[in-house]
Protein backbone atom coordinates (compact mmCIF):
# COMPACT_ATOMS: atom_id res chain seq x y z
CA MET A 1 3.95 4.99 16.15
CA LEU A 2 4.52 1.63 14.52
CA SER A 3 4.80 -1.38 16.74
CA LEU A 4 7.05 -4.37 16.31
CA LEU A 5 3.93 -6.37 15.48
CA SER A 6 3.19 -4.00 12.58
CA LEU A 7 6.67 -4.51 11.19
CA VAL A 8 6.43 -8.27 11.47
CA THR A 9 3.02 -8.19 9.79
CA LEU A 10 4.41 -6.14 6.89
CA ILE A 11 7.26 -8.59 6.43
CA ILE A 12 4.93 -11.59 6.50
CA ILE A 13 2.63 -10.01 3.93
CA ALA A 14 5.58 -9.16 1.68
CA VAL A 15 6.95 -12.70 1.88
CA GLN A 16 3.57 -14.30 1.22
CA LEU A 17 2.97 -12.29 -1.94
CA THR A 18 3.68 -14.46 -4.93
CA THR A 19 5.00 -13.26 -8.24
CA ALA A 20 1.55 -13.75 -9.76
CA SER A 21 -0.17 -11.63 -7.14
CA ILE A 22 2.44 -8.88 -7.43
CA THR A 23 1.98 -8.91 -11.20
CA ARG A 24 -1.79 -8.59 -10.76
CA LEU A 25 -1.35 -5.70 -8.32
CA GLN A 26 1.03 -3.98 -10.74
CA ARG A 27 -1.49 -4.32 -13.59
CA ILE A 28 -4.19 -2.79 -11.42
CA GLN A 29 -1.91 0.08 -10.43
CA ASN A 30 -1.00 0.68 -14.09
CA GLN A 31 -4.67 0.76 -15.11
CA LEU A 32 -5.52 3.15 -12.27
CA ALA A 33 -2.65 5.43 -13.28
CA GLY A 34 -4.14 5.59 -16.77
CA VAL A 35 -7.59 6.40 -15.40
CA VAL A 36 -6.31 9.07 -12.99
CA CYS A 37 -4.26 10.74 -15.74
CA LYS A 38 -7.01 10.25 -18.37
CA ALA A 39 -4.30 8.84 -20.63
CA PRO A 40 -4.83 6.88 -23.87
CA TYR A 41 -4.88 3.09 -23.52
CA ARG A 42 -1.38 2.57 -24.94
CA SER A 43 0.36 5.25 -22.87
CA SER A 44 3.62 4.41 -21.14
CA THR A 45 2.79 3.31 -17.61
CA THR A 46 6.29 4.16 -16.42
CA ASP A 47 5.77 7.79 -17.43
CA LEU A 48 2.35 7.85 -15.78
CA LEU A 49 3.68 6.41 -12.51
CA CYS A 50 6.49 9.00 -12.50
CA GLN A 51 4.02 11.79 -13.22
CA LEU A 52 1.87 10.68 -10.27
CA HIS A 53 4.92 10.08 -8.02
CA TRP A 54 3.82 6.46 -7.51
CA LEU A 55 6.32 3.67 -6.90
CA PRO A 56 5.89 0.33 -8.67
CA VAL A 57 4.40 -2.36 -6.40
CA THR A 58 7.64 -4.18 -5.58
CA GLN A 59 9.46 -0.95 -4.78
CA ARG A 60 6.52 0.21 -2.65
CA ILE A 61 6.66 -2.99 -0.60
CA GLU A 62 10.41 -2.60 -0.08
CA TYR A 63 9.98 1.06 0.84
CA LYS A 64 7.30 0.30 3.43
CA ILE A 65 9.42 -2.40 5.08
CA LEU A 66 12.56 -0.25 5.17
CA HIS A 67 10.64 2.80 6.37
CA SER A 68 8.97 0.80 9.13
CA TYR A 69 12.31 -0.63 10.22
CA THR A 70 13.92 2.82 10.22
CA VAL A 71 11.12 4.28 12.33
CA LEU A 72 11.24 1.42 14.80
CA ASP A 73 15.01 1.51 14.94
CA SER A 74 14.98 5.21 15.82
CA VAL A 75 12.17 4.94 18.38
CA VAL A 76 12.82 1.65 20.14
CA SER A 77 15.93 1.38 22.25
CA PRO A 78 17.74 -1.95 22.71
CA SER A 79 16.80 -1.97 26.39
CA THR A 80 13.13 -2.33 25.40
CA PHE A 81 13.74 -5.91 24.32
CA SER A 82 15.89 -6.97 27.28
CA THR A 83 14.56 -9.84 29.37
CA SER A 84 15.89 -8.73 32.76
C-alpha cells in the first residue's frame, strides 16, 4: 500500500524534473526500445514504444502520480487525517 509520503515524494520528483532531464530520459527510453526490439537505427520510436506498451516519460510520470492518488484516495478515509 502506498503511503502519503510516497505520493508526496512522487510529486516532488516530478516537479523537480527539468525539461532537459525529461528529454534525456526520453532519449534513453527511445534507445532502449530500439535495442529491445532489435530495430534499425532510424526506426520510428513512437511505433516501438507502442509495440512494447511503454508510455513516453512525461505520460509515465503523470500516470504514476494519478495512479498513486487514486489508490490513496480509495484506501485512506478522510477521518485518517483528522486532528481530533
